[in-house]
Amino acid sequence: MTEIFSDYLTLLIAVITVSILVLQYFLAKKRWRLDLYDKRYPVYLATMEYLSSVMQHTNATDENLFKFLRNSRDKEFLFGKDIQDHLQVLYEEGMRLNCIRQQLQSEPVGKERSSLVDRSSEILD
């Protein structure tokens, strides 16, 4: 009788141990996602701030571009390739918009100026 009780007790301890390990795994996984969220959120805020500034002023200033670049510098470690590429496109389009706006300042009214305005509108869209 004692041997049977000992066998069941050993089995019970093994089941409890495995249950605790499984629960710890799920808890660690959720904690990892929460920690990742805490690191991703500032990049999200920087992107929203950058986009709102560009749309509000219809221009990406050097200051906005550098600030966006600085605040999204950890994108390679925090996001997948698709988000990294999207953030890179946002930066590059901002650079193009900035260059077009600088050209517009010195361009007289005419066909070339209209072409630059059209390109600027495409980028903003």
PDB file of N, CA and C in Angstrom:
ATOM      1  N   MET A   1       0.828  -1.185   0.000  1.00  0.00           N
ATOM      2  CA  MET A   1       0.000   0.000   0.000  1.00  0.00           C
ATOM      3  C   MET A   1       0.878   1.256   0.000  1.00  0.00           C
ATOM      4  N   THR A   2       1.943   1.230   0.756  1.00  0.00           N
ATOM      5  CA  THR A   2       2.846   2.358   0.834  1.00  0.00           C
ATOM      6  C   THR A   2       3.555   2.578  -0.498  1.00  0.00           C
ATOM      7  N   GLU A   3       3.884   1.485  -1.185  1.00  0.00           N
ATOM      8  CA  GLU A   3       4.536   1.614  -2.486  1.00  0.00           C
ATOM      9  C   GLU A   3       3.608   2.247  -3.511  1.00  0.00           C
ATOM     10  N   ILE A   4       2.342   1.867  -3.501  1.00  0.00           N
ATOM     11  CA  ILE A   4       1.359   2.445  -4.427  1.00  0.00           C
ATOM     12  C   ILE A   4       1.173   3.923  -4.119  1.00  0.00           C
ATOM     13  N   PHE A   5       1.072   4.252  -2.845  1.00  0.00           N
ATOM     14  CA  PHE A   5       0.928   5.647  -2.436  1.00  0.00           C
ATOM     15  C   PHE A   5       2.164   6.457  -2.845  1.00  0.00           C
ATOM     16  N   SER A   6       3.341   5.869  -2.698  1.00  0.00           N
ATOM     17  CA  SER A   6       4.584   6.531  -3.084  1.00  0.00           C
ATOM     18  C   SER A   6       4.630   6.751  -4.593  1.00  0.00           C
ATOM     19  N   ASP A   7       4.190   5.746  -5.362  1.00  0.00           N
ATOM     20  CA  ASP A   7       4.161   5.884  -6.821  1.00  0.00           C
ATOM     21  C   ASP A   7       3.203   7.001  -7.246  1.00  0.00           C
ATOM     22  N   TYR A   8       2.022   7.041  -6.660  1.00  0.00           N
ATOM     23  CA  TYR A   8       1.054   8.098  -6.991  1.00  0.00           C
ATOM     24  C   TYR A   8       1.549   9.474  -6.568  1.00  0.00           C
ATOM     25  N   LEU A   9       2.231   9.524  -5.450  1.00  0.00           N
ATOM     26  CA  LEU A   9       2.777  10.788  -4.976  1.00  0.00           C
ATOM     27  C   LEU A   9       3.859  11.293  -5.924  1.00  0.00           C
ATOM     28  N   THR A  10       4.695  10.403  -6.406  1.00  0.00           N
ATOM     29  CA  THR A  10       5.727  10.770  -7.368  1.00  0.00           C
ATOM     30  C   THR A  10       5.099  11.275  -8.661  1.00  0.00           C
ATOM     31  N   LEU A  11       4.067  10.592  -9.121  1.00  0.00           N
ATOM     32  CA  LEU A  11       3.345  11.006 -10.329  1.00  0.00           C
ATOM     33  C   LEU A  11       2.683  12.366 -10.123  1.00  0.00           C
ATOM     34  N   LEU A  12       2.087  12.568  -8.967  1.00  0.00           N
ATOM     35  CA  LEU A  12       1.439  13.847  -8.662  1.00  0.00           C
ATOM     36  C   LEU A  12       2.459  14.987  -8.642  1.00  0.00           C
ATOM     37  N   ILE A  13       3.602  14.756  -8.050  1.00  0.00           N
ATOM     38  CA  ILE A  13       4.656  15.777  -8.011  1.00  0.00           C
ATOM     39  C   ILE A  13       5.140  16.085  -9.425  1.00  0.00           C
ATOM     40  N   ALA A  14       5.267  15.082 -10.268  1.00  0.00           N
ATOM     41  CA  ALA A  14       5.693  15.287 -11.658  1.00  0.00           C
ATOM     42  C   ALA A  14       4.660  16.110 -12.423  1.00  0.00           C
ATOM     43  N   VAL A  15       3.391  15.821 -12.251  1.00  0.00           N
ATOM     44  CA  VAL A  15       2.323  16.566 -12.929  1.00  0.00           C
ATOM     45  C   VAL A  15       2.298  18.012 -12.456  1.00  0.00           C
ATOM     46  N   ILE A  16       2.433  18.221 -11.180  1.00  0.00           N
ATOM     47  CA  ILE A  16       2.453  19.585 -10.643  1.00  0.00           C
ATOM     48  C   ILE A  16       3.667  20.351 -11.166  1.00  0.00           C
ATOM     49  N   THR A  17       4.814  19.698 -11.208  1.00  0.00           N
ATOM     50  CA  THR A  17       6.033  20.339 -11.710  1.00  0.00           C
ATOM     51  C   THR A  17       5.880  20.733 -13.177  1.00  0.00           C
ATOM     52  N   VAL A  18       5.354  19.834 -13.985  1.00  0.00           N
ATOM     53  CA  VAL A  18       5.142  20.140 -15.411  1.00  0.00           C
ATOM     54  C   VAL A  18       4.133  21.271 -15.557  1.00  0.00           C
ATOM     55  N   SER A  19       3.091  21.259 -14.766  1.00  0.00           N
ATOM     56  CA  SER A  19       2.084  22.330 -14.816  1.00  0.00           C
ATOM     57  C   SER A  19       2.705  23.683 -14.479  1.00  0.00           C
ATOM     58  N   ILE A  20       3.536  23.710 -13.474  1.00  0.00           N
ATOM     59  CA  ILE A  20       4.199  24.959 -13.091  1.00  0.00           C
ATOM     60  C   ILE A  20       5.123  25.431 -14.210  1.00  0.00           C
ATOM     61  N   LEU A  21       5.853  24.512 -14.838  1.00  0.00           N
ATOM     62  CA  LEU A  21       6.742  24.880 -15.939  1.00  0.00           C
ATOM     63  C   LEU A  21       5.965  25.452 -17.126  1.00  0.00           C
ATOM     64  N   VAL A  22       4.845  24.845 -17.446  1.00  0.00           N
ATOM     65  CA  VAL A  22       4.018  25.337 -18.554  1.00  0.00           C
ATOM     66  C   VAL A  22       3.473  26.719 -18.227  1.00  0.00           C
ATOM     67  N   LEU A  23       2.997  26.909 -17.030  1.00  0.00           N
ATOM     68  CA  LEU A  23       2.476  28.223 -16.627  1.00  0.00           C
ATOM     69  C   LEU A  23       3.571  29.281 -16.629  1.00  0.00           C
ATOM     70  N   GLN A  24       4.762  28.925 -16.195  1.00  0.00           N
ATOM     71  CA  GLN A  24       5.880  29.870 -16.226  1.00  0.00           C
ATOM     72  C   GLN A  24       6.253  30.241 -17.657  1.00  0.00           C
ATOM     73  N   TYR A  25       6.181  29.272 -18.558  1.00  0.00           N
ATOM     74  CA  TYR A  25       6.465  29.551 -19.966  1.00  0.00           C
ATOM     75  C   TYR A  25       5.486  30.576 -20.528  1.00  0.00           C
ATOM     76  N   PHE A  26       4.194  30.362 -20.291  1.00  0.00           N
ATOM     77  CA  PHE A  26       3.192  31.306 -20.797  1.00  0.00           C
ATOM     78  C   PHE A  26       3.321  32.678 -20.137  1.00  0.00           C
ATOM     79  N   LEU A  27       3.646  32.690 -18.875  1.00  0.00           N
ATOM     80  CA  LEU A  27       3.839  33.960 -18.178  1.00  0.00           C
ATOM     81  C   LEU A  27       5.054  34.706 -18.734  1.00  0.00           C
ATOM     82  N   ALA A  28       6.141  33.991 -18.980  1.00  0.00           N
ATOM     83  CA  ALA A  28       7.342  34.619 -19.546  1.00  0.00           C
ATOM     84  C   ALA A  28       7.070  35.139 -20.951  1.00  0.00           C
ATOM     85  N   LYS A  29       6.292  34.407 -21.721  1.00  0.00           N
ATOM     86  CA  LYS A  29       5.945  34.835 -23.071  1.00  0.00           C
ATOM     87  C   LYS A  29       5.112  36.120 -23.042  1.00  0.00           C
ATOM     88  N   LYS A  30       4.139  36.190 -22.136  1.00  0.00           N
ATOM     89  CA  LYS A  30       3.325  37.406 -22.011  1.00  0.00           C
ATOM     90  C   LYS A  30       4.154  38.576 -21.513  1.00  0.00           C
ATOM     91  N   ARG A  31       5.055  38.325 -20.598  1.00  0.00           N
ATOM     92  CA  ARG A  31       5.908  39.389 -20.082  1.00  0.00           C
ATOM     93  C   ARG A  31       6.839  39.914 -21.171  1.00  0.00           C
ATOM     94  N   TRP A  32       7.365  39.004 -21.999  1.00  0.00           N
ATOM     95  CA  TRP A  32       8.223  39.403 -23.110  1.00  0.00           C
ATOM     96  C   TRP A  32       7.466  40.295 -24.076  1.00  0.00           C
ATOM     97  N   ARG A  33       6.215  39.949 -24.372  1.00  0.00           N
ATOM     98  CA  ARG A  33       5.401  40.781 -25.272  1.00  0.00           C
ATOM     99  C   ARG A  33       5.124  42.144 -24.650  1.00  0.00           C
ATOM    100  N   LEU A  34       4.885  42.171 -23.351  1.00  0.00           N
ATOM    101  CA  LEU A  34       4.636  43.443 -22.671  1.00  0.00           C
ATOM    102  C   LEU A  34       5.897  44.300 -22.678  1.00  0.00           C
ATOM    103  N   ASP A  35       7.038  43.701 -22.434  1.00  0.00           N
ATOM    104  CA  ASP A  35       8.299  44.447 -22.483  1.00  0.00           C
ATOM    105  C   ASP A  35       8.573  44.970 -23.887  1.00  0.00           C
ATOM    106  N   LEU A  36       8.254  44.167 -24.880  1.00  0.00           N
ATOM    107  CA  LEU A  36       8.428  44.588 -26.266  1.00  0.00           C
ATOM    108  C   LEU A  36       7.486  45.739 -26.599  1.00  0.00           C
ATOM    109  N   TYR A  37       6.279  45.681 -26.084  1.00  0.00           N
ATOM    110  CA  TYR A  37       5.309  46.760 -26.290  1.00  0.00           C
ATOM    111  C   TYR A  37       5.846  48.074 -25.728  1.00  0.00           C
ATOM    112  N   ASP A  38       6.423  48.007 -24.538  1.00  0.00           N
ATOM    113  CA  ASP A  38       6.965  49.214 -23.905  1.00  0.00           C
ATOM    114  C   ASP A  38       8.081  49.843 -24.735  1.00  0.00           C
ATOM    115  N   LYS A  39       8.792  49.026 -25.484  1.00  0.00           N
ATOM    116  CA  LYS A  39       9.866  49.554 -26.329  1.00  0.00           C
ATOM    117  C   LYS A  39       9.341  50.001 -27.693  1.00  0.00           C
ATOM    118  N   ARG A  40       8.298  49.360 -28.183  1.00  0.00           N
ATOM    119  CA  ARG A  40       7.731  49.713 -29.488  1.00  0.00           C
ATOM    120  C   ARG A  40       6.895  50.992 -29.436  1.00  0.00           C
ATOM    121  N   TYR A  41       6.258  51.228 -28.331  1.00  0.00           N
ATOM    122  CA  TYR A  41       5.330  52.353 -28.239  1.00  0.00           C
ATOM    123  C   TYR A  41       5.998  53.701 -28.512  1.00  0.00           C
ATOM    124  N   PRO A  42       7.195  53.987 -28.010  1.00  0.00           N
ATOM    125  CA  PRO A  42       7.837  55.267 -28.353  1.00  0.00           C
ATOM    126  C   PRO A  42       8.093  55.430 -29.854  1.00  0.00           C
ATOM    127  N   VAL A  43       8.386  54.340 -30.549  1.00  0.00           N
ATOM    128  CA  VAL A  43       8.573  54.419 -32.005  1.00  0.00           C
ATOM    129  C   VAL A  43       7.247  54.756 -32.672  1.00  0.00           C
ATOM    130  N   TYR A  44       6.187  54.153 -32.178  1.00  0.00           N
ATOM    131  CA  TYR A  44       4.852  54.468 -32.696  1.00  0.00           C
ATOM    132  C   TYR A  44       4.516  55.943 -32.483  1.00  0.00           C
ATOM    133  N   LEU A  45       4.763  56.444 -31.284  1.00  0.00           N
ATOM    134  CA  LEU A  45       4.482  57.852 -30.990  1.00  0.00           C
ATOM    135  C   LEU A  45       5.325  58.782 -31.858  1.00  0.00           C
ATOM    136  N   ALA A  46       6.583  58.449 -32.054  1.00  0.00           N
ATOM    137  CA  ALA A  46       7.458  59.270 -32.897  1.00  0.00           C
ATOM    138  C   ALA A  46       6.957  59.279 -34.340  1.00  0.00           C
ATOM    139  N   THR A  47       6.482  58.136 -34.812  1.00  0.00           N
ATOM    140  CA  THR A  47       5.953  58.062 -36.174  1.00  0.00           C
ATOM    141  C   THR A  47       4.686  58.899 -36.305  1.00  0.00           C
ATOM    142  N   MET A  48       3.802  58.805 -35.339  1.00  0.00           N
ATOM    143  CA  MET A  48       2.569  59.594 -35.385  1.00  0.00           C
ATOM    144  C   MET A  48       2.866  61.093 -35.302  1.00  0.00           C
ATOM    145  N   GLU A  49       3.810  61.463 -34.460  1.00  0.00           N
ATOM    146  CA  GLU A  49       4.197  62.873 -34.344  1.00  0.00           C
ATOM    147  C   GLU A  49       4.789  63.380 -35.662  1.00  0.00           C
ATOM    148  N   TYR A  50       5.643  62.572 -36.268  1.00  0.00           N
ATOM    149  CA  TYR A  50       6.262  62.928 -37.542  1.00  0.00           C
ATOM    150  C   TYR A  50       5.203  63.099 -38.633  1.00  0.00           C
ATOM    151  N   LEU A  51       4.311  62.127 -38.747  1.00  0.00           N
ATOM    152  CA  LEU A  51       3.280  62.193 -39.781  1.00  0.00           C
ATOM    153  C   LEU A  51       2.328  63.364 -39.566  1.00  0.00           C
ATOM    154  N   SER A  52       1.946  63.606 -38.324  1.00  0.00           N
ATOM    155  CA  SER A  52       1.041  64.722 -38.072  1.00  0.00           C
ATOM    156  C   SER A  52       1.709  66.059 -38.376  1.00  0.00           C
ATOM    157  N   SER A  53       2.976  66.181 -38.068  1.00  0.00           N
ATOM    158  CA  SER A  53       3.696  67.415 -38.372  1.00  0.00           C
ATOM    159  C   SER A  53       3.817  67.623 -39.877  1.00  0.00           C
ATOM    160  N   VAL A  54       4.126  66.558 -40.597  1.00  0.00           N
ATOM    161  CA  VAL A  54       4.248  66.660 -42.056  1.00  0.00           C
ATOM    162  C   VAL A  54       2.912  67.028 -42.669  1.00  0.00           C
ATOM    163  N   MET A  55       1.851  66.398 -42.224  1.00  0.00           N
ATOM    164  CA  MET A  55       0.537  66.693 -42.795  1.00  0.00           C
ATOM    165  C   MET A  55       0.050  68.085 -42.396  1.00  0.00           C
ATOM    166  N   GLN A  56       0.363  68.525 -41.221  1.00  0.00           N
ATOM    167  CA  GLN A  56      -0.071  69.846 -40.760  1.00  0.00           C
ATOM    168  C   GLN A  56       0.637  70.964 -41.517  1.00  0.00           C
ATOM    169  N   HIS A  57       1.935  70.799 -41.738  1.00  0.00           N
ATOM    170  CA  HIS A  57       2.713  71.858 -42.384  1.00  0.00           C
ATOM    171  C   HIS A  57       2.977  71.574 -43.859  1.00  0.00           C
ATOM    172  N   THR A  58       2.501  70.436 -44.360  1.00  0.00           N
ATOM    173  CA  THR A  58       2.745  69.960 -45.726  1.00  0.00           C
ATOM    174  C   THR A  58       4.227  70.038 -46.094  1.00  0.00           C
ATOM    175  N   ASN A  59       5.059  69.772 -45.128  1.00  0.00           N
ATOM    176  CA  ASN A  59       6.492  69.777 -45.348  1.00  0.00           C
ATOM    177  C   ASN A  59       7.172  68.965 -44.258  1.00  0.00           C
ATOM    178  N   ALA A  60       8.251  68.300 -44.637  1.00  0.00           N
ATOM    179  CA  ALA A  60       9.072  67.577 -43.669  1.00  0.00           C
ATOM    180  C   ALA A  60      10.347  68.391 -43.479  1.00  0.00           C
ATOM    181  N   THR A  61      10.440  69.079 -42.375  1.00  0.00           N
ATOM    182  CA  THR A  61      11.620  69.898 -42.119  1.00  0.00           C
ATOM    183  C   THR A  61      12.793  69.010 -41.719  1.00  0.00           C
ATOM    184  N   ASP A  62      13.982  69.587 -41.804  1.00  0.00           N
ATOM    185  CA  ASP A  62      15.173  68.842 -41.385  1.00  0.00           C
ATOM    186  C   ASP A  62      15.052  68.404 -39.935  1.00  0.00           C
ATOM    187  N   GLU A  63      14.522  69.286 -39.106  1.00  0.00           N
ATOM    188  CA  GLU A  63      14.364  68.961 -37.686  1.00  0.00           C
ATOM    189  C   GLU A  63      13.425  67.770 -37.498  1.00  0.00           C
ATOM    190  N   ASN A  64      12.296  67.777 -38.218  1.00  0.00           N
ATOM    191  CA  ASN A  64      11.360  66.654 -38.121  1.00  0.00           C
ATOM    192  C   ASN A  64      11.990  65.354 -38.596  1.00  0.00           C
ATOM    193  N   LEU A  65      12.717  65.428 -39.684  1.00  0.00           N
ATOM    194  CA  LEU A  65      13.349  64.229 -40.230  1.00  0.00           C
ATOM    195  C   LEU A  65      14.390  63.653 -39.277  1.00  0.00           C
ATOM    196  N   PHE A  66      15.226  64.523 -38.716  1.00  0.00           N
ATOM    197  CA  PHE A  66      16.253  64.040 -37.788  1.00  0.00           C
ATOM    198  C   PHE A  66      15.629  63.485 -36.511  1.00  0.00           C
ATOM    199  N   LYS A  67      14.593  64.147 -36.048  1.00  0.00           N
ATOM    200  CA  LYS A  67      13.914  63.675 -34.837  1.00  0.00           C
ATOM    201  C   LYS A  67      13.272  62.311 -35.085  1.00  0.00           C
ATOM    202  N   PHE A  68      12.621  62.154 -36.239  1.00  0.00           N
ATOM    203  CA  PHE A  68      12.011  60.869 -36.587  1.00  0.00           C
ATOM    204  C   PHE A  68      13.072  59.783 -36.718  1.00  0.00           C
ATOM    205  N   LEU A  69      14.154  60.113 -37.381  1.00  0.00           N
ATOM    206  CA  LEU A  69      15.234  59.145 -37.552  1.00  0.00           C
ATOM    207  C   LEU A  69      15.820  58.733 -36.204  1.00  0.00           C
ATOM    208  N   ARG A  70      16.018  59.700 -35.331  1.00  0.00           N
ATOM    209  CA  ARG A  70      16.580  59.428 -34.004  1.00  0.00           C
ATOM    210  C   ARG A  70      15.621  58.571 -33.163  1.00  0.00           C
ATOM    211  N   ASN A  71      14.321  58.888 -33.214  1.00  0.00           N
ATOM    212  CA  ASN A  71      13.361  58.174 -32.371  1.00  0.00           C
ATOM    213  C   ASN A  71      12.973  56.803 -32.917  1.00  0.00           C
ATOM    214  N   SER A  72      13.273  56.550 -34.178  1.00  0.00           N
ATOM    215  CA  SER A  72      12.940  55.237 -34.744  1.00  0.00           C
ATOM    216  C   SER A  72      14.193  54.414 -35.026  1.00  0.00           C
ATOM    217  N   ARG A  73      15.289  54.745 -34.401  1.00  0.00           N
ATOM    218  CA  ARG A  73      16.564  54.079 -34.687  1.00  0.00           C
ATOM    219  C   ARG A  73      16.579  52.616 -34.242  1.00  0.00           C
ATOM    220  N   ASP A  74      15.708  52.232 -33.327  1.00  0.00           N
ATOM    221  CA  ASP A  74      15.697  50.848 -32.836  1.00  0.00           C
ATOM    222  C   ASP A  74      14.770  49.945 -33.640  1.00  0.00           C
ATOM    223  N   LYS A  75      14.299  50.405 -34.773  1.00  0.00           N
ATOM    224  CA  LYS A  75      13.307  49.645 -35.538  1.00  0.00           C
ATOM    225  C   LYS A  75      13.813  48.274 -35.965  1.00  0.00           C
ATOM    226  N   GLU A  76      15.106  48.136 -36.210  1.00  0.00           N
ATOM    227  CA  GLU A  76      15.649  46.850 -36.650  1.00  0.00           C
ATOM    228  C   GLU A  76      15.521  45.775 -35.573  1.00  0.00           C
ATOM    229  N   PHE A  77      15.536  46.182 -34.325  1.00  0.00           N
ATOM    230  CA  PHE A  77      15.493  45.230 -33.221  1.00  0.00           C
ATOM    231  C   PHE A  77      14.083  44.948 -32.729  1.00  0.00           C
ATOM    232  N   LEU A  78      13.155  45.862 -33.007  1.00  0.00           N
ATOM    233  CA  LEU A  78      11.823  45.762 -32.418  1.00  0.00           C
ATOM    234  C   LEU A  78      10.741  45.287 -33.376  1.00  0.00           C
ATOM    235  N   PHE A  79      10.960  45.439 -34.672  1.00  0.00           N
ATOM    236  CA  PHE A  79       9.908  45.165 -35.639  1.00  0.00           C
ATOM    237  C   PHE A  79      10.389  44.195 -36.699  1.00  0.00           C
ATOM    238  N   GLY A  80       9.411  43.648 -37.417  1.00  0.00           N
ATOM    239  CA  GLY A  80       9.704  42.789 -38.545  1.00  0.00           C
ATOM    240  C   GLY A  80      10.144  43.611 -39.752  1.00  0.00           C
ATOM    241  N   LYS A  81      10.511  42.913 -40.795  1.00  0.00           N
ATOM    242  CA  LYS A  81      11.029  43.553 -42.003  1.00  0.00           C
ATOM    243  C   LYS A  81      10.000  44.487 -42.637  1.00  0.00           C
ATOM    244  N   ASP A  82       8.724  44.132 -42.603  1.00  0.00           N
ATOM    245  CA  ASP A  82       7.711  44.962 -43.245  1.00  0.00           C
ATOM    246  C   ASP A  82       7.569  46.327 -42.569  1.00  0.00           C
ATOM    247  N   ILE A  83       7.592  46.367 -41.254  1.00  0.00           N
ATOM    248  CA  ILE A  83       7.497  47.638 -40.538  1.00  0.00           C
ATOM    249  C   ILE A  83       8.774  48.442 -40.721  1.00  0.00           C
ATOM    250  N   GLN A  84       9.920  47.778 -40.701  1.00  0.00           N
ATOM    251  CA  GLN A  84      11.187  48.472 -40.943  1.00  0.00           C
ATOM    252  C   GLN A  84      11.170  49.146 -42.309  1.00  0.00           C
ATOM    253  N   ASP A  85      10.713  48.407 -43.312  1.00  0.00           N
ATOM    254  CA  ASP A  85      10.654  48.965 -44.667  1.00  0.00           C
ATOM    255  C   ASP A  85       9.682  50.141 -44.737  1.00  0.00           C
ATOM    256  N   HIS A  86       8.558  50.015 -44.057  1.00  0.00           N
ATOM    257  CA  HIS A  86       7.567  51.098 -44.071  1.00  0.00           C
ATOM    258  C   HIS A  86       8.119  52.368 -43.414  1.00  0.00           C
ATOM    259  N   LEU A  87       8.793  52.216 -42.296  1.00  0.00           N
ATOM    260  CA  LEU A  87       9.385  53.373 -41.632  1.00  0.00           C
ATOM    261  C   LEU A  87      10.480  53.994 -42.498  1.00  0.00           C
ATOM    262  N   GLN A  88      11.237  53.162 -43.193  1.00  0.00           N
ATOM    263  CA  GLN A  88      12.271  53.671 -44.091  1.00  0.00           C
ATOM    264  C   GLN A  88      11.644  54.446 -45.248  1.00  0.00           C
ATOM    265  N   VAL A  89      10.543  53.947 -45.781  1.00  0.00           N
ATOM    266  CA  VAL A  89       9.842  54.646 -46.873  1.00  0.00           C
ATOM    267  C   VAL A  89       9.321  55.994 -46.381  1.00  0.00           C
ATOM    268  N   LEU A  90       8.774  56.023 -45.160  1.00  0.00           N
ATOM    269  CA  LEU A  90       8.289  57.294 -44.611  1.00  0.00           C
ATOM    270  C   LEU A  90       9.423  58.316 -44.529  1.00  0.00           C
ATOM    271  N   TYR A  91      10.579  57.874 -44.091  1.00  0.00           N
ATOM    272  CA  TYR A  91      11.727  58.779 -43.989  1.00  0.00           C
ATOM    273  C   TYR A  91      12.176  59.245 -45.366  1.00  0.00           C
ATOM    274  N   GLU A  92      12.289  58.318 -46.302  1.00  0.00           N
ATOM    275  CA  GLU A  92      12.743  58.682 -47.646  1.00  0.00           C
ATOM    276  C   GLU A  92      11.762  59.616 -48.347  1.00  0.00           C
ATOM    277  N   GLU A  93      10.470  59.369 -48.179  1.00  0.00           N
ATOM    278  CA  GLU A  93       9.462  60.253 -48.780  1.00  0.00           C
ATOM    279  C   GLU A  93       9.518  61.637 -48.134  1.00  0.00           C
ATOM    280  N   GLY A  94       9.789  61.684 -46.849  1.00  0.00           N
ATOM    281  CA  GLY A  94       9.972  62.970 -46.179  1.00  0.00           C
ATOM    282  C   GLY A  94      11.171  63.726 -46.731  1.00  0.00           C
ATOM    283  N   MET A  95      12.239  62.997 -46.996  1.00  0.00           N
ATOM    284  CA  MET A  95      13.426  63.620 -47.595  1.00  0.00           C
ATOM    285  C   MET A  95      13.098  64.173 -48.986  1.00  0.00           C
ATOM    286  N   ARG A  96      12.373  63.381 -49.769  1.00  0.00           N
ATOM    287  CA  ARG A  96      11.982  63.850 -51.104  1.00  0.00           C
ATOM    288  C   ARG A  96      11.109  65.092 -51.005  1.00  0.00           C
ATOM    289  N   LEU A  97      10.166  65.080 -50.080  1.00  0.00           N
ATOM    290  CA  LEU A  97       9.277  66.225 -49.892  1.00  0.00           C
ATOM    291  C   LEU A  97      10.068  67.460 -49.480  1.00  0.00           C
ATOM    292  N   ASN A  98      11.035  67.281 -48.601  1.00  0.00           N
ATOM    293  CA  ASN A  98      11.872  68.384 -48.152  1.00  0.00           C
ATOM    294  C   ASN A  98      12.663  68.968 -49.325  1.00  0.00           C
ATOM    295  N   CYS A  99      13.235  68.104 -50.149  1.00  0.00           N
ATOM    296  CA  CYS A  99      13.997  68.579 -51.324  1.00  0.00           C
ATOM    297  C   CYS A  99      13.096  69.335 -52.297  1.00  0.00           C
ATOM    298  N   ILE A 100      11.900  68.813 -52.521  1.00  0.00           N
ATOM    299  CA  ILE A 100      10.970  69.486 -53.434  1.00  0.00           C
ATOM    300  C   ILE A 100      10.585  70.852 -52.891  1.00  0.00           C
ATOM    301  N   ARG A 101      10.319  70.928 -51.596  1.00  0.00           N
ATOM    302  CA  ARG A 101       9.942  72.212 -50.991  1.00  0.00           C
ATOM    303  C   ARG A 101      11.083  73.228 -51.093  1.00  0.00           C
ATOM    304  N   GLN A 102      12.302  72.774 -50.953  1.00  0.00           N
ATOM    305  CA  GLN A 102      13.434  73.690 -51.102  1.00  0.00           C
ATOM    306  C   GLN A 102      13.571  74.163 -52.542  1.00  0.00           C
ATOM    307  N   GLN A 103      13.321  73.292 -53.492  1.00  0.00           N
ATOM    308  CA  GLN A 103      13.350  73.685 -54.898  1.00  0.00           C
ATOM    309  C   GLN A 103      12.232  74.673 -55.219  1.00  0.00           C
ATOM    310  N   LEU A 104      11.084  74.486 -54.596  1.00  0.00           N
ATOM    311  CA  LEU A 104       9.947  75.368 -54.850  1.00  0.00           C
ATOM    312  C   LEU A 104      10.224  76.809 -54.430  1.00  0.00           C
ATOM    313  N   GLN A 105      11.053  76.983 -53.415  1.00  0.00           N
ATOM    314  CA  GLN A 105      11.344  78.335 -52.929  1.00  0.00           C
ATOM    315  C   GLN A 105      12.080  79.175 -53.968  1.00  0.00           C
ATOM    316  N   SER A 106      12.873  78.517 -54.786  1.00  0.00           N
ATOM    317  CA  SER A 106      13.654  79.278 -55.767  1.00  0.00           C
ATOM    318  C   SER A 106      13.092  79.173 -57.186  1.00  0.00           C
ATOM    319  N   GLU A 107      12.051  78.417 -57.370  1.00  0.00           N
ATOM    320  CA  GLU A 107      11.499  78.188 -58.708  1.00  0.00           C
ATOM    321  C   GLU A 107      10.447  79.252 -59.040  1.00  0.00           C
ATOM    322  N   PRO A 108      10.596  79.922 -60.179  1.00  0.00           N
ATOM    323  CA  PRO A 108       9.572  80.900 -60.570  1.00  0.00           C
ATOM    324  C   PRO A 108       8.304  80.187 -61.047  1.00  0.00           C
ATOM    325  N   VAL A 109       7.218  80.928 -61.086  1.00  0.00           N
ATOM    326  CA  VAL A 109       5.941  80.381 -61.523  1.00  0.00           C
ATOM    327  C   VAL A 109       6.084  79.906 -62.969  1.00  0.00           C
ATOM    328  N   GLY A 110       5.634  78.687 -63.191  1.00  0.00           N
ATOM    329  CA  GLY A 110       5.727  78.136 -64.543  1.00  0.00           C
ATOM    330  C   GLY A 110       5.472  76.647 -64.531  1.00  0.00           C
ATOM    331  N   LYS A 111       5.818  76.011 -65.632  1.00  0.00           N
ATOM    332  CA  LYS A 111       5.554  74.590 -65.823  1.00  0.00           C
ATOM    333  C   LYS A 111       6.345  73.725 -64.839  1.00  0.00           C
ATOM    334  N   GLU A 112       7.603  74.064 -64.646  1.00  0.00           N
ATOM    335  CA  GLU A 112       8.450  73.278 -63.730  1.00  0.00           C
ATOM    336  C   GLU A 112       7.931  73.379 -62.297  1.00  0.00           C
ATOM    337  N   ARG A 113       7.518  74.544 -61.886  1.00  0.00           N
ATOM    338  CA  ARG A 113       6.968  74.738 -60.540  1.00  0.00           C
ATOM    339  C   ARG A 113       5.701  73.909 -60.364  1.00  0.00           C
ATOM    340  N   SER A 114       4.846  73.907 -61.368  1.00  0.00           N
ATOM    341  CA  SER A 114       3.621  73.108 -61.309  1.00  0.00           C
ATOM    342  C   SER A 114       3.944  71.624 -61.195  1.00  0.00           C
ATOM    343  N   SER A 115       4.974  71.189 -61.903  1.00  0.00           N
ATOM    344  CA  SER A 115       5.401  69.793 -61.827  1.00  0.00           C
ATOM    345  C   SER A 115       5.882  69.456 -60.417  1.00  0.00           C
ATOM    346  N   LEU A 116       6.637  70.366 -59.804  1.00  0.00           N
ATOM    347  CA  LEU A 116       7.118  70.137 -58.433  1.00  0.00           C
ATOM    348  C   LEU A 116       5.954  70.086 -57.442  1.00  0.00           C
ATOM    349  N   VAL A 117       4.977  70.956 -57.628  1.00  0.00           N
ATOM    350  CA  VAL A 117       3.804  70.961 -56.740  1.00  0.00           C
ATOM    351  C   VAL A 117       3.041  69.648 -56.889  1.00  0.00           C
ATOM    352  N   ASP A 118       2.914  69.156 -58.122  1.00  0.00           N
ATOM    353  CA  ASP A 118       2.237  67.879 -58.336  1.00  0.00           C
ATOM    354  C   ASP A 118       2.982  66.727 -57.654  1.00  0.00           C
ATOM    355  N   ARG A 119       4.301  66.709 -57.764  1.00  0.00           N
ATOM    356  CA  ARG A 119       5.095  65.673 -57.099  1.00  0.00           C
ATOM    357  C   ARG A 119       4.952  65.755 -55.586  1.00  0.00           C
ATOM    358  N   SER A 120       4.935  66.974 -55.080  1.00  0.00           N
ATOM    359  CA  SER A 120       4.754  67.179 -53.641  1.00  0.00           C
ATOM    360  C   SER A 120       3.391  66.641 -53.187  1.00  0.00           C
ATOM    361  N   SER A 121       2.373  66.909 -53.968  1.00  0.00           N
ATOM    362  CA  SER A 121       1.028  66.416 -53.633  1.00  0.00           C
ATOM    363  C   SER A 121       0.963  64.891 -53.653  1.00  0.00           C
ATOM    364  N   GLU A 122       1.658  64.275 -54.608  1.00  0.00           N
ATOM    365  CA  GLU A 122       1.689  62.814 -54.672  1.00  0.00           C
ATOM    366  C   GLU A 122       2.325  62.218 -53.415  1.00  0.00           C
ATOM    367  N   ILE A 123       3.398  62.834 -52.992  1.00  0.00           N
ATOM    368  CA  ILE A 123       4.087  62.341 -51.796  1.00  0.00           C
ATOM    369  C   ILE A 123       3.177  62.477 -50.567  1.00  0.00           C
ATOM    370  N   LEU A 124       2.514  63.598 -50.445  1.00  0.00           N
ATOM    371  CA  LEU A 124       1.636  63.810 -49.300  1.00  0.00           C
ATOM    372  C   LEU A 124       0.453  62.843 -49.304  1.00  0.00           C
ATOM    373  N   ASP A 125       0.008  62.488 -50.488  1.00  0.00           N
ATOM    374  CA  ASP A 125      -1.104  61.512 -50.576  1.00  0.00           C
ATOM    375  C   ASP A 125      -0.640  60.149 -50.094  1.00  0.00           C
TER     376      ASP A 125
END
